Protein backbone atom coordinates (compact mmCIF):
# COMPACT_ATOMS: atom_id res chain seq x y z
CA MET A 1 -10.97 9.09 -2.45
CA TYR A 2 -8.46 8.14 0.22
CA LYS A 3 -7.36 4.90 1.85
CA THR A 4 -6.20 5.17 5.44
CA THR A 5 -4.32 2.21 6.91
CA LEU A 6 -3.83 1.91 10.66
CA LYS A 7 -1.65 -0.54 12.58
CA ILE A 8 -3.57 -1.17 15.80
CA ASP A 9 -2.31 -2.86 18.95
CA GLY A 10 -4.69 -4.75 21.24
CA MET A 11 -7.26 -6.32 18.90
CA MET A 12 -7.67 -9.98 19.89
CA CYS A 13 -10.91 -11.18 18.25
CA GLY A 14 -13.78 -10.40 15.89
CA MET A 15 -15.55 -8.31 18.53
CA CYS A 16 -12.46 -6.12 18.82
CA GLU A 17 -12.62 -5.57 15.06
CA ALA A 18 -16.31 -4.65 15.35
CA HIS A 19 -15.63 -2.13 18.15
CA VAL A 20 -12.97 -0.37 16.09
CA ASN A 21 -15.11 -0.40 12.92
CA ASP A 22 -18.17 0.95 14.76
CA ALA A 23 -16.16 3.71 16.45
CA VAL A 24 -14.79 4.86 13.08
CA ARG A 25 -18.20 4.71 11.37
CA ASN A 26 -19.86 6.68 14.19
CA ARG A 27 -17.29 9.50 14.10
CA PHE A 28 -16.41 9.79 10.39
CA ASP A 29 -18.27 9.70 7.09
CA VAL A 30 -16.58 6.70 5.46
CA LYS A 31 -17.30 4.46 2.48
CA LYS A 32 -15.74 1.28 3.90
CA VAL A 33 -14.04 0.11 7.09
CA SER A 34 -12.47 -3.29 7.63
CA SER A 35 -10.27 -4.59 10.44
CA SER A 36 -8.20 -7.72 10.97
CA HIS A 37 -7.19 -8.70 14.49
CA LYS A 38 -4.81 -11.32 13.05
CA LYS A 39 -2.90 -8.70 11.04
CA GLY A 40 -3.48 -5.88 13.53
CA VAL A 41 -4.66 -3.62 10.70
CA THR A 42 -7.68 -1.41 10.00
CA GLU A 43 -8.31 -0.06 6.48
CA ILE A 44 -10.65 2.86 5.88
CA VAL A 45 -11.85 4.20 2.51
CA SER A 46 -13.30 7.73 2.56
CA GLU A 47 -14.08 10.62 0.22
CA SER A 48 -11.73 12.98 2.05
CA ALA A 49 -8.55 12.51 4.05
CA LEU A 50 -9.17 11.77 7.73
CA ASP A 51 -7.54 13.84 10.46
CA GLU A 52 -4.84 11.73 12.11
CA GLN A 53 -5.15 13.17 15.63
CA THR A 54 -8.95 12.83 15.69
CA LEU A 55 -8.75 9.27 14.38
CA ARG A 56 -6.11 8.34 16.98
CA GLY A 57 -8.36 9.79 19.70
CA VAL A 58 -11.37 7.78 18.52
CA ILE A 59 -9.37 4.53 18.48
CA ASP A 60 -7.71 5.29 21.85
CA ALA A 61 -11.18 5.81 23.38
CA THR A 62 -12.05 2.19 22.47
CA GLY A 63 -9.04 0.91 24.45
CA TYR A 64 -6.79 0.09 21.50
CA THR A 65 -3.61 1.88 20.43
CA VAL A 66 -2.73 3.18 16.97
CA LYS A 67 0.89 2.26 16.24
CA ASP A 68 1.11 3.51 12.65
CA PHE A 69 -0.98 5.81 10.43
CA ARG A 70 -0.78 5.95 6.63
CA CYS A 71 -3.11 7.84 4.27
CA GLU A 72 -2.83 7.64 0.48
CA PRO A 73 -4.98 8.40 -2.58
CA TYR A 74 -7.25 5.50 -3.49
CA GLU A 75 -8.68 4.54 -6.86
CA LYS A 76 -11.56 2.09 -6.94
CA LYS A 77 -10.86 -1.03 -8.98
CA LYS A 78 -12.94 -1.60 -12.10
CA LEU A 79 -15.47 -4.40 -11.96
CA PHE A 80 -14.78 -5.94 -15.35
CA GLY A 81 -11.18 -4.85 -15.83
CA ARG A 82 -9.84 -8.37 -16.10
CA LYS A 83 -12.25 -9.55 -18.77
CA SER A 84 -11.70 -6.42 -20.84
CA ARG A 85 -7.93 -6.81 -20.77
CA TYR A 86 -8.31 -10.43 -21.88
CA LYS A 87 -10.37 -9.43 -24.91
CA ILE A 88 -7.92 -6.70 -25.85
CA ALA A 89 -4.96 -9.06 -25.53
CA ARG A 90 -6.62 -11.53 -27.91
CA GLY A 91 -7.52 -8.81 -30.42
CA LEU A 92 -11.27 -9.28 -30.02
CA GLN A 93 -12.24 -5.76 -28.97
CA SER A 94 -13.12 -4.66 -32.54
CA GLN A 95 -15.84 -7.29 -33.06
CA PRO A 96 -19.53 -6.38 -32.69
CA ALA A 97 -21.11 -7.33 -29.37
CA GLY A 98 -21.72 -11.05 -29.09
CA VAL A 99 -19.63 -11.94 -32.18
CA TYR A 100 -16.16 -13.32 -31.53
CA SER A 101 -13.78 -14.95 -33.95
CA GLU A 102 -10.13 -15.87 -33.80
CA ALA A 103 -7.80 -13.31 -35.38
């Protein structure tokens, strides 16, 4: 999976965010899209890397301008990672399920 981060100029409100998100969803097969007009950023998570020129064209067609484009590999965070690390740190991972005792 890949995470694409765009710096976008011109977003002023929540509707601007929705326009950008909808344009990306309609043109690309993506897992997640989120925009922030306050930060001027759109983050896209997709199975494959997105073509920069096509993405710039889609955003430009909405009336906004892409100032920066960054694409990097993305690894989904584990749901219970924090709890598991806590158990391991306390030495409780070797106990049967539901039975915990202090080491």
